[in-house]
Amino acid sequence: MTVIDYLSAALLIGGAMFFLAGTLGLLRFPDVYTRLHALTKADNLGLGLMITGLALQVETWAAAGKLLLIWLLVLLAGASVAHLIANGALRKGVRLWKR
């Protein structure tokens, strides 16, 4: 194995850890707003790390560009959906969590 393989594996494992953290935030946090925050932030960073790890393994710049495009589209979709969910919760009167 080369240094690129080790770096790629570390990035993929790091991305998986962020996905796990986002999932735990989704399950553990008390209200919809904090759950959305945990899920979108952790998953966006986790996907970024995974895309970077995969981009190190591809053979062409075109494939790396496609991976980057996928990440950008997921970033846009995730932000849009999180906004729609939070806006819907706010309109229905879901209050912020307070101790």
Protein backbone atom coordinates (compact mmCIF):
# COMPACT_ATOMS: atom_id res chain seq x y z
CA MET A 1 0.00 0.00 0.00
CA THR A 2 1.09 3.53 -0.74
CA VAL A 3 0.81 6.74 1.24
CA ILE A 4 -2.20 7.74 -0.91
CA ASP A 5 -3.95 4.52 0.11
CA TYR A 6 -3.40 5.21 3.79
CA LEU A 7 -4.54 8.82 3.43
CA SER A 8 -7.61 7.72 1.51
CA ALA A 9 -8.47 5.13 4.15
CA ALA A 10 -8.05 7.70 6.93
CA LEU A 11 -10.35 10.15 5.13
CA LEU A 12 -12.96 7.46 4.56
CA ILE A 13 -12.87 6.40 8.21
CA GLY A 14 -13.05 10.04 9.30
CA GLY A 15 -16.07 10.55 7.06
CA ALA A 16 -17.76 7.49 8.52
CA MET A 17 -17.16 8.86 12.02
CA PHE A 18 -18.86 12.12 11.10
CA PHE A 19 -21.81 10.18 9.67
CA LEU A 20 -22.01 8.26 12.94
CA ALA A 21 -21.88 11.51 14.94
CA GLY A 22 -24.70 12.98 12.84
CA THR A 23 -26.81 9.89 13.35
CA LEU A 24 -26.23 9.99 17.10
CA GLY A 25 -27.20 13.67 17.11
CA LEU A 26 -30.38 12.82 15.23
CA LEU A 27 -31.27 10.21 17.83
CA ARG A 28 -30.18 12.05 20.98
CA PHE A 29 -30.98 15.74 20.58
CA PRO A 30 -34.27 16.98 22.02
CA ASP A 31 -35.95 18.98 19.24
CA VAL A 32 -36.21 19.19 15.49
CA TYR A 33 -33.95 22.23 15.16
CA THR A 34 -30.96 20.81 17.03
CA ARG A 35 -31.43 17.47 15.28
CA LEU A 36 -31.36 19.17 11.88
CA HIS A 37 -28.27 21.12 12.82
CA ALA A 38 -26.39 18.04 14.00
CA LEU A 39 -27.43 15.97 11.02
CA THR A 40 -26.72 18.48 8.26
CA LYS A 41 -23.39 19.73 9.63
CA ALA A 42 -21.96 16.31 10.42
CA ASP A 43 -23.22 14.65 7.25
CA ASN A 44 -21.95 17.43 4.99
CA LEU A 45 -18.49 17.25 6.50
CA GLY A 46 -18.57 13.44 6.51
CA LEU A 47 -19.51 13.34 2.85
CA GLY A 48 -16.78 15.87 2.07
CA LEU A 49 -14.18 13.68 3.73
CA MET A 50 -15.46 10.59 1.92
CA ILE A 51 -15.49 12.35 -1.44
CA THR A 52 -11.92 13.53 -0.84
CA GLY A 53 -10.85 10.01 0.10
CA LEU A 54 -12.48 8.58 -3.02
CA ALA A 55 -11.09 11.34 -5.24
CA LEU A 56 -7.58 10.30 -4.24
CA GLN A 57 -8.27 6.84 -5.67
CA VAL A 58 -9.76 7.75 -9.05
CA GLU A 59 -7.64 7.66 -12.17
CA THR A 60 -9.01 10.62 -14.12
CA TRP A 61 -9.75 14.25 -13.36
CA ALA A 62 -13.21 13.76 -14.88
CA ALA A 63 -14.11 11.19 -12.24
CA ALA A 64 -12.82 13.48 -9.47
CA GLY A 65 -14.89 16.32 -10.93
CA LYS A 66 -17.99 14.14 -10.91
CA LEU A 67 -17.40 13.30 -7.26
CA LEU A 68 -17.03 17.00 -6.46
CA LEU A 69 -20.23 17.78 -8.36
CA ILE A 70 -22.09 15.11 -6.39
CA TRP A 71 -20.86 16.64 -3.13
CA LEU A 72 -21.93 20.15 -4.19
CA LEU A 73 -25.38 18.93 -5.21
CA VAL A 74 -25.82 17.10 -1.91
CA LEU A 75 -24.74 20.27 -0.04
CA LEU A 76 -27.38 22.30 -1.87
CA ALA A 77 -30.08 19.67 -1.42
CA GLY A 78 -29.29 19.16 2.27
CA ALA A 79 -29.43 22.88 3.01
CA SER A 80 -32.67 23.28 1.09
CA VAL A 81 -34.38 20.34 2.76
CA ALA A 82 -33.20 21.36 6.23
CA HIS A 83 -34.57 24.85 5.63
CA LEU A 84 -37.92 23.45 4.49
CA ILE A 85 -38.20 21.15 7.50
CA ALA A 86 -37.27 23.89 9.97
CA ASN A 87 -39.66 26.34 8.30
CA GLY A 88 -42.47 23.77 8.41
CA ALA A 89 -41.80 23.05 12.07
CA LEU A 90 -41.80 26.76 12.86
CA ARG A 91 -45.10 27.28 11.03
CA LYS A 92 -46.67 24.39 12.96
CA GLY A 93 -45.60 26.00 16.22
CA VAL A 94 -42.81 23.63 17.23
CA ARG A 95 -40.95 25.54 19.89
CA LEU A 96 -37.24 25.64 20.53
CA TRP A 97 -36.02 23.35 23.27
CA LYS A 98 -35.26 25.03 26.58
CA ARG A 99 -33.92 23.45 29.74
